[in-house]
Amino acid sequence: MGRIFEVRKHTMFARWNRMAKQFARIGKDITIAVRQGGPEPANNPALRRVIQNARSINMPKDKVEAAIRRASGQEAADYQEIFYEGYAPHGVAVLVETATDNPTRTVASVRNIFNKFGGNLASNGSVRPYSCTPRMRRARSIPAVMLPH
């Protein structure tokens, strides 16, 4: 069809791939919020925040409503929020917050990433005392790292 079409097609598929990843992440967040506080946004501040995030990435309203319906049903995945603690190179303490339906796979992924970049996964309770300082409690923005599946 031509070089221009191939370039355009590649751009479109790259954009759709990014959107799919974002929508999947928001869908998981919706499931967690609905499980914690119910499917009604008026009574669930966590769900309101997730819906606001969904709007900010232009997620269609029907997809948001479908995710809420799916999460409020019995067949929804049961995501657990788990904290992993570790040390990055040069002894920098790292606290990793994850939401997963399979903790065994997640701990393997987190350990692999720590090992790949010269850190190590620590036991629970070894990093948390450092993160409970008043300065850390005031922090609102914590950088997130997306783990490959």
N, C-alpha and C. Protein backbone atom coordinates (compact mmCIF):
# COMPACT_ATOMS: atom_id res chain seq x y z
N MET A 1 0.82 -1.20 0.00
CA MET A 1 0.00 0.00 0.00
C MET A 1 0.86 1.25 0.00
N GLY A 2 2.09 1.10 0.44
CA GLY A 2 2.97 2.26 0.40
C GLY A 2 3.60 2.54 1.75
N ARG A 3 4.67 3.26 1.68
CA ARG A 3 5.42 3.55 2.89
C ARG A 3 4.65 4.45 3.84
N ILE A 4 3.97 5.45 3.34
CA ILE A 4 3.24 6.39 4.20
C ILE A 4 2.15 5.65 4.97
N PHE A 5 1.46 4.74 4.30
CA PHE A 5 0.42 3.97 4.98
C PHE A 5 1.02 3.13 6.10
N GLU A 6 2.16 2.51 5.84
CA GLU A 6 2.80 1.66 6.85
C GLU A 6 3.22 2.49 8.06
N VAL A 7 3.74 3.69 7.84
CA VAL A 7 4.13 4.57 8.94
C VAL A 7 2.89 4.97 9.74
N ARG A 8 1.83 5.32 9.04
CA ARG A 8 0.59 5.72 9.70
C ARG A 8 0.01 4.54 10.50
N LYS A 9 0.04 3.35 9.91
CA LYS A 9 -0.48 2.17 10.58
C LYS A 9 0.33 1.87 11.84
N HIS A 10 1.65 1.98 11.75
CA HIS A 10 2.50 1.74 12.91
C HIS A 10 2.17 2.74 14.02
N THR A 11 1.97 4.00 13.68
CA THR A 11 1.63 5.02 14.66
C THR A 11 0.30 4.72 15.34
N MET A 12 -0.69 4.31 14.53
CA MET A 12 -2.01 4.00 15.09
C MET A 12 -1.93 2.80 16.03
N PHE A 13 -1.23 1.74 15.64
CA PHE A 13 -1.15 0.56 16.48
C PHE A 13 -0.36 0.84 17.76
N ALA A 14 0.65 1.68 17.69
CA ALA A 14 1.41 2.04 18.88
C ALA A 14 0.50 2.80 19.86
N ARG A 15 -0.31 3.72 19.32
CA ARG A 15 -1.25 4.47 20.17
C ARG A 15 -2.28 3.55 20.79
N TRP A 16 -2.82 2.63 20.01
CA TRP A 16 -3.82 1.70 20.53
C TRP A 16 -3.22 0.79 21.59
N ASN A 17 -1.97 0.41 21.42
CA ASN A 17 -1.30 -0.42 22.41
C ASN A 17 -1.15 0.33 23.74
N ARG A 18 -0.76 1.60 23.68
CA ARG A 18 -0.65 2.41 24.90
C ARG A 18 -2.01 2.57 25.57
N MET A 19 -3.04 2.82 24.76
CA MET A 19 -4.39 2.97 25.32
C MET A 19 -4.84 1.68 25.98
N ALA A 20 -4.58 0.53 25.38
CA ALA A 20 -5.00 -0.75 25.95
C ALA A 20 -4.33 -0.98 27.30
N LYS A 21 -3.05 -0.64 27.42
CA LYS A 21 -2.36 -0.80 28.70
C LYS A 21 -2.95 0.12 29.76
N GLN A 22 -3.23 1.37 29.39
CA GLN A 22 -3.82 2.31 30.34
C GLN A 22 -5.22 1.87 30.76
N PHE A 23 -6.02 1.41 29.80
CA PHE A 23 -7.38 0.98 30.12
C PHE A 23 -7.36 -0.25 31.02
N ALA A 24 -6.43 -1.16 30.80
CA ALA A 24 -6.33 -2.35 31.64
C ALA A 24 -5.94 -1.97 33.07
N ARG A 25 -5.02 -1.02 33.20
CA ARG A 25 -4.61 -0.57 34.53
C ARG A 25 -5.78 0.11 35.25
N ILE A 26 -6.52 0.96 34.54
CA ILE A 26 -7.67 1.64 35.15
C ILE A 26 -8.74 0.62 35.50
N GLY A 27 -8.94 -0.40 34.65
CA GLY A 27 -9.91 -1.46 34.95
C GLY A 27 -9.56 -2.18 36.24
N LYS A 28 -8.28 -2.45 36.46
CA LYS A 28 -7.84 -3.10 37.69
C LYS A 28 -8.08 -2.18 38.88
N ASP A 29 -7.80 -0.88 38.72
CA ASP A 29 -8.05 0.07 39.79
C ASP A 29 -9.54 0.16 40.12
N ILE A 30 -10.39 0.11 39.10
CA ILE A 30 -11.84 0.14 39.32
C ILE A 30 -12.26 -1.09 40.12
N THR A 31 -11.73 -2.25 39.76
CA THR A 31 -12.07 -3.48 40.48
C THR A 31 -11.69 -3.38 41.95
N ILE A 32 -10.51 -2.87 42.23
CA ILE A 32 -10.07 -2.73 43.62
C ILE A 32 -10.96 -1.74 44.37
N ALA A 33 -11.28 -0.61 43.74
CA ALA A 33 -12.10 0.40 44.40
C ALA A 33 -13.51 -0.11 44.67
N VAL A 34 -14.09 -0.83 43.71
CA VAL A 34 -15.46 -1.36 43.90
C VAL A 34 -15.46 -2.41 44.99
N ARG A 35 -14.45 -3.27 45.05
CA ARG A 35 -14.37 -4.29 46.10
C ARG A 35 -14.24 -3.66 47.48
N GLN A 36 -13.56 -2.53 47.57
CA GLN A 36 -13.34 -1.90 48.88
C GLN A 36 -14.54 -1.08 49.34
N GLY A 37 -15.21 -0.36 48.40
CA GLY A 37 -16.23 0.58 48.86
C GLY A 37 -17.57 0.51 48.18
N GLY A 38 -17.77 -0.45 47.28
CA GLY A 38 -19.07 -0.56 46.62
C GLY A 38 -19.09 0.09 45.27
N PRO A 39 -20.14 -0.22 44.47
CA PRO A 39 -20.17 0.25 43.08
C PRO A 39 -20.74 1.65 42.88
N GLU A 40 -21.11 2.33 43.93
CA GLU A 40 -21.74 3.65 43.80
C GLU A 40 -20.69 4.75 43.99
N PRO A 41 -20.40 5.54 42.94
CA PRO A 41 -19.37 6.58 43.07
C PRO A 41 -19.71 7.66 44.10
N ALA A 42 -20.99 7.88 44.35
CA ALA A 42 -21.37 8.90 45.33
C ALA A 42 -20.93 8.51 46.74
N ASN A 43 -20.85 7.22 47.02
CA ASN A 43 -20.49 6.75 48.35
C ASN A 43 -19.07 6.21 48.43
N ASN A 44 -18.35 6.21 47.33
CA ASN A 44 -17.04 5.59 47.28
C ASN A 44 -16.02 6.60 46.72
N PRO A 45 -15.25 7.27 47.59
CA PRO A 45 -14.30 8.27 47.10
C PRO A 45 -13.17 7.67 46.25
N ALA A 46 -12.77 6.44 46.55
CA ALA A 46 -11.71 5.81 45.75
C ALA A 46 -12.20 5.57 44.33
N LEU A 47 -13.46 5.16 44.19
CA LEU A 47 -14.02 4.94 42.86
C LEU A 47 -14.17 6.27 42.10
N ARG A 48 -14.54 7.33 42.81
CA ARG A 48 -14.62 8.65 42.16
C ARG A 48 -13.26 9.06 41.62
N ARG A 49 -12.21 8.82 42.40
CA ARG A 49 -10.85 9.19 41.96
C ARG A 49 -10.45 8.38 40.73
N VAL A 50 -10.78 7.08 40.73
CA VAL A 50 -10.42 6.24 39.59
C VAL A 50 -11.20 6.66 38.35
N ILE A 51 -12.48 7.00 38.52
CA ILE A 51 -13.28 7.46 37.37
C ILE A 51 -12.71 8.76 36.83
N GLN A 52 -12.26 9.63 37.71
CA GLN A 52 -11.63 10.87 37.27
C GLN A 52 -10.35 10.58 36.49
N ASN A 53 -9.56 9.62 36.96
CA ASN A 53 -8.35 9.22 36.23
C ASN A 53 -8.71 8.64 34.87
N ALA A 54 -9.79 7.86 34.81
CA ALA A 54 -10.23 7.28 33.54
C ALA A 54 -10.63 8.37 32.55
N ARG A 55 -11.29 9.40 33.05
CA ARG A 55 -11.67 10.51 32.17
C ARG A 55 -10.44 11.27 31.68
N SER A 56 -9.42 11.36 32.53
CA SER A 56 -8.22 12.11 32.13
C SER A 56 -7.46 11.41 31.01
N ILE A 57 -7.60 10.09 30.88
CA ILE A 57 -6.93 9.39 29.77
C ILE A 57 -7.91 9.06 28.64
N ASN A 58 -9.08 9.70 28.68
CA ASN A 58 -10.10 9.56 27.62
C ASN A 58 -10.63 8.14 27.48
N MET A 59 -10.83 7.47 28.60
CA MET A 59 -11.43 6.14 28.57
C MET A 59 -12.94 6.31 28.36
N PRO A 60 -13.52 5.60 27.40
CA PRO A 60 -14.95 5.76 27.13
C PRO A 60 -15.82 5.42 28.34
N LYS A 61 -16.94 6.15 28.45
CA LYS A 61 -17.83 5.98 29.60
C LYS A 61 -18.40 4.57 29.66
N ASP A 62 -18.70 3.99 28.51
CA ASP A 62 -19.27 2.63 28.52
C ASP A 62 -18.26 1.60 29.02
N LYS A 63 -16.98 1.82 28.76
CA LYS A 63 -15.95 0.90 29.28
C LYS A 63 -15.82 1.04 30.80
N VAL A 64 -15.95 2.26 31.32
CA VAL A 64 -15.89 2.48 32.76
C VAL A 64 -17.08 1.80 33.43
N GLU A 65 -18.28 1.99 32.86
CA GLU A 65 -19.47 1.38 33.44
C GLU A 65 -19.41 -0.14 33.36
N ALA A 66 -18.88 -0.67 32.27
CA ALA A 66 -18.74 -2.12 32.13
C ALA A 66 -17.75 -2.67 33.17
N ALA A 67 -16.68 -1.93 33.43
CA ALA A 67 -15.71 -2.37 34.43
C ALA A 67 -16.33 -2.36 35.83
N ILE A 68 -17.17 -1.37 36.12
CA ILE A 68 -17.84 -1.32 37.42
C ILE A 68 -18.81 -2.49 37.56
N ARG A 69 -19.58 -2.78 36.49
CA ARG A 69 -20.50 -3.92 36.52
C ARG A 69 -19.74 -5.23 36.71
N ARG A 70 -18.65 -5.37 35.98
CA ARG A 70 -17.84 -6.59 36.07
C ARG A 70 -17.25 -6.75 37.48
N ALA A 71 -16.81 -5.65 38.07
CA ALA A 71 -16.19 -5.71 39.40
C ALA A 71 -17.21 -5.98 40.49
N SER A 72 -18.44 -5.54 40.31
CA SER A 72 -19.44 -5.75 41.35
C SER A 72 -20.06 -7.15 41.27
N GLY A 73 -19.80 -7.89 40.20
CA GLY A 73 -20.29 -9.25 40.08
C GLY A 73 -19.43 -10.23 40.86
N GLN A 74 -19.85 -11.49 40.87
CA GLN A 74 -19.14 -12.52 41.62
C GLN A 74 -17.91 -13.04 40.88
N GLU A 75 -17.90 -12.93 39.55
CA GLU A 75 -16.81 -13.52 38.77
C GLU A 75 -15.59 -12.60 38.64
N ALA A 76 -15.61 -11.46 39.32
CA ALA A 76 -14.50 -10.52 39.21
C ALA A 76 -13.25 -11.08 39.88
N ALA A 77 -12.09 -10.74 39.34
CA ALA A 77 -10.82 -11.19 39.92
C ALA A 77 -10.64 -10.53 41.28
N ASP A 78 -10.08 -11.25 42.20
CA ASP A 78 -9.85 -10.75 43.54
C ASP A 78 -8.42 -10.25 43.64
N TYR A 79 -8.24 -8.94 43.46
CA TYR A 79 -6.90 -8.36 43.51
C TYR A 79 -6.51 -8.08 44.95
N GLN A 80 -5.28 -8.39 45.27
CA GLN A 80 -4.73 -8.11 46.59
C GLN A 80 -3.71 -6.99 46.46
N GLU A 81 -3.74 -6.08 47.41
CA GLU A 81 -2.73 -5.03 47.44
C GLU A 81 -1.62 -5.48 48.39
N ILE A 82 -0.43 -5.60 47.86
CA ILE A 82 0.70 -6.12 48.62
C ILE A 82 1.86 -5.13 48.52
N PHE A 83 2.57 -4.95 49.64
CA PHE A 83 3.77 -4.11 49.66
C PHE A 83 4.99 -5.01 49.71
N TYR A 84 5.96 -4.70 48.86
CA TYR A 84 7.25 -5.38 48.88
C TYR A 84 8.30 -4.35 49.24
N GLU A 85 9.28 -4.76 49.99
CA GLU A 85 10.33 -3.85 50.43
C GLU A 85 11.67 -4.36 49.92
N GLY A 86 12.53 -3.44 49.57
CA GLY A 86 13.83 -3.83 49.07
C GLY A 86 14.81 -2.68 49.12
N TYR A 87 15.99 -2.97 48.63
CA TYR A 87 17.05 -1.97 48.60
C TYR A 87 17.60 -1.88 47.18
N ALA A 88 17.65 -0.67 46.66
CA ALA A 88 18.23 -0.39 45.35
C ALA A 88 19.75 -0.28 45.52
N PRO A 89 20.48 -0.10 44.43
CA PRO A 89 21.93 0.08 44.57
C PRO A 89 22.27 1.24 45.50
N HIS A 90 23.38 1.13 46.18
CA HIS A 90 23.89 2.13 47.14
C HIS A 90 23.01 2.21 48.38
N GLY A 91 22.20 1.17 48.67
CA GLY A 91 21.45 1.11 49.90
C GLY A 91 20.21 1.99 49.96
N VAL A 92 19.68 2.41 48.83
CA VAL A 92 18.48 3.23 48.81
C VAL A 92 17.27 2.35 49.10
N ALA A 93 16.49 2.71 50.12
CA ALA A 93 15.33 1.92 50.49
C ALA A 93 14.20 2.15 49.50
N VAL A 94 13.54 1.05 49.08
CA VAL A 94 12.47 1.12 48.09
C VAL A 94 11.26 0.38 48.65
N LEU A 95 10.09 1.00 48.55
CA LEU A 95 8.83 0.39 48.95
C LEU A 95 7.98 0.25 47.70
N VAL A 96 7.63 -0.98 47.32
CA VAL A 96 6.91 -1.26 46.09
C VAL A 96 5.48 -1.64 46.45
N GLU A 97 4.50 -0.90 45.93
CA GLU A 97 3.10 -1.21 46.16
C GLU A 97 2.56 -1.88 44.91
N THR A 98 1.95 -3.07 45.07
CA THR A 98 1.43 -3.81 43.92
C THR A 98 -0.03 -4.18 44.17
N ALA A 99 -0.75 -4.41 43.09
CA ALA A 99 -2.10 -4.96 43.13
C ALA A 99 -2.09 -6.15 42.18
N THR A 100 -2.34 -7.34 42.70
CA THR A 100 -2.19 -8.54 41.90
C THR A 100 -3.24 -9.58 42.25
N ASP A 101 -3.49 -10.45 41.30
CA ASP A 101 -4.36 -11.59 41.57
C ASP A 101 -3.52 -12.85 41.78
N ASN A 102 -2.20 -12.75 41.60
CA ASN A 102 -1.31 -13.89 41.78
C ASN A 102 -0.03 -13.40 42.47
N PRO A 103 0.02 -13.45 43.81
CA PRO A 103 1.19 -12.93 44.53
C PRO A 103 2.49 -13.66 44.21
N THR A 104 2.41 -14.94 43.89
CA THR A 104 3.63 -15.70 43.59
C THR A 104 4.31 -15.17 42.34
N ARG A 105 3.53 -14.92 41.30
CA ARG A 105 4.08 -14.37 40.06
C ARG A 105 4.63 -12.97 40.29
N THR A 106 3.93 -12.17 41.10
CA THR A 106 4.33 -10.79 41.32
C THR A 106 5.64 -10.71 42.10
N VAL A 107 5.78 -11.54 43.13
CA VAL A 107 7.02 -11.48 43.90
C VAL A 107 8.20 -11.92 43.03
N ALA A 108 7.97 -12.85 42.12
CA ALA A 108 9.04 -13.26 41.20
C ALA A 108 9.41 -12.12 40.27
N SER A 109 8.41 -11.39 39.76
CA SER A 109 8.69 -10.25 38.88
C SER A 109 9.44 -9.14 39.61
N VAL A 110 8.99 -8.84 40.83
CA VAL A 110 9.64 -7.77 41.60
C VAL A 110 11.08 -8.16 41.94
N ARG A 111 11.29 -9.41 42.35
CA ARG A 111 12.64 -9.89 42.68
C ARG A 111 13.54 -9.83 41.43
N ASN A 112 12.99 -10.20 40.28
CA ASN A 112 13.74 -10.18 39.04
C ASN A 112 14.18 -8.75 38.69
N ILE A 113 13.29 -7.79 38.86
CA ILE A 113 13.63 -6.40 38.55
C ILE A 113 14.68 -5.87 39.52
N PHE A 114 14.52 -6.19 40.81
CA PHE A 114 15.55 -5.78 41.77
C PHE A 114 16.91 -6.37 41.40
N ASN A 115 16.95 -7.66 41.07
CA ASN A 115 18.22 -8.30 40.73
C ASN A 115 18.81 -7.74 39.45
N LYS A 116 17.96 -7.45 38.47
CA LYS A 116 18.45 -6.93 37.19
C LYS A 116 19.17 -5.60 37.35
N PHE A 117 18.70 -4.77 38.28
CA PHE A 117 19.28 -3.44 38.44
C PHE A 117 20.17 -3.32 39.67
N GLY A 118 20.62 -4.44 40.21
CA GLY A 118 21.61 -4.41 41.27
C GLY A 118 21.06 -4.20 42.67
N GLY A 119 19.78 -4.42 42.88
CA GLY A 119 19.21 -4.30 44.22
C GLY A 119 18.88 -5.67 44.77
N ASN A 120 18.20 -5.68 45.90
CA ASN A 120 17.74 -6.95 46.44
C ASN A 120 16.43 -6.75 47.18
N LEU A 121 15.62 -7.79 47.19
CA LEU A 121 14.33 -7.78 47.87
C LEU A 121 14.58 -8.08 49.33
N ALA A 122 14.03 -7.25 50.21
CA ALA A 122 14.26 -7.41 51.64
C ALA A 122 13.04 -8.07 52.29
N SER A 123 13.18 -8.45 53.54
CA SER A 123 12.06 -9.03 54.26
C SER A 123 11.10 -7.93 54.70
N ASN A 124 9.87 -8.32 55.00
CA ASN A 124 8.87 -7.34 55.42
C ASN A 124 9.28 -6.68 56.72
N GLY A 125 9.09 -5.37 56.78
CA GLY A 125 9.42 -4.62 57.99
C GLY A 125 10.80 -4.02 58.00
N SER A 126 11.62 -4.30 56.99
CA SER A 126 12.99 -3.77 57.00
C SER A 126 13.06 -2.36 56.44
N VAL A 127 12.14 -1.99 55.55
CA VAL A 127 12.17 -0.67 54.93
C VAL A 127 11.08 0.22 55.51
N ARG A 128 9.98 -0.35 55.91
CA ARG A 128 8.82 0.43 56.32
C ARG A 128 9.12 1.45 57.42
N PRO A 129 9.96 1.18 58.43
CA PRO A 129 10.25 2.23 59.43
C PRO A 129 10.84 3.49 58.81
N TYR A 130 11.60 3.35 57.71
CA TYR A 130 12.18 4.53 57.05
C TYR A 130 11.11 5.34 56.33
N SER A 131 10.05 4.67 55.85
CA SER A 131 9.04 5.37 55.07
C SER A 131 7.96 5.99 55.93
N CYS A 132 8.02 5.81 57.25
CA CYS A 132 6.98 6.34 58.13
C CYS A 132 7.40 7.64 58.78
N THR A 133 8.38 8.32 58.24
CA THR A 133 8.77 9.61 58.79
C THR A 133 7.71 10.64 58.42
N PRO A 134 7.56 11.72 59.18
CA PRO A 134 6.55 12.73 58.85
C PRO A 134 6.73 13.32 57.46
N ARG A 135 7.98 13.42 57.01
CA ARG A 135 8.23 13.97 55.69
C ARG A 135 7.65 13.06 54.60
N MET A 136 7.78 11.75 54.76
CA MET A 136 7.26 10.81 53.77
C MET A 136 5.74 10.77 53.80
N ARG A 137 5.12 10.96 54.97
CA ARG A 137 3.67 10.94 55.05
C ARG A 137 3.06 12.12 54.30
N ARG A 138 3.79 13.25 54.23
CA ARG A 138 3.29 14.41 53.52
C ARG A 138 3.41 14.25 52.01
N ALA A 139 4.29 13.37 51.58
CA ALA A 139 4.52 13.19 50.13
C ALA A 139 3.24 12.67 49.47
N ARG A 140 2.83 13.26 48.40
CA ARG A 140 1.63 12.87 47.70
C ARG A 140 1.93 12.12 46.41
N SER A 141 3.02 12.43 45.81
CA SER A 141 3.33 11.84 44.51
C SER A 141 4.51 10.89 44.67
N ILE A 142 4.25 9.61 44.41
CA ILE A 142 5.31 8.61 44.47
C ILE A 142 5.47 8.03 43.08
N PRO A 143 6.66 8.05 42.51
CA PRO A 143 6.83 7.51 41.16
C PRO A 143 6.46 6.04 41.11
N ALA A 144 5.79 5.65 40.05
CA ALA A 144 5.37 4.26 39.88
C ALA A 144 6.12 3.63 38.72
N VAL A 145 6.42 2.37 38.86
CA VAL A 145 7.10 1.61 37.80
C VAL A 145 6.14 0.53 37.34
N MET A 146 5.86 0.48 36.06
CA MET A 146 4.98 -0.56 35.52
C MET A 146 5.80 -1.82 35.30
N LEU A 147 5.35 -2.92 35.88
CA LEU A 147 6.06 -4.18 35.75
C LEU A 147 5.57 -4.91 34.51
N PRO A 148 6.47 -5.52 33.75
CA PRO A 148 6.02 -6.33 32.61
C PRO A 148 5.42 -7.62 33.11
N HIS A 149 4.43 -8.12 32.40
CA HIS A 149 3.77 -9.39 32.82
C HIS A 149 4.39 -10.54 32.11
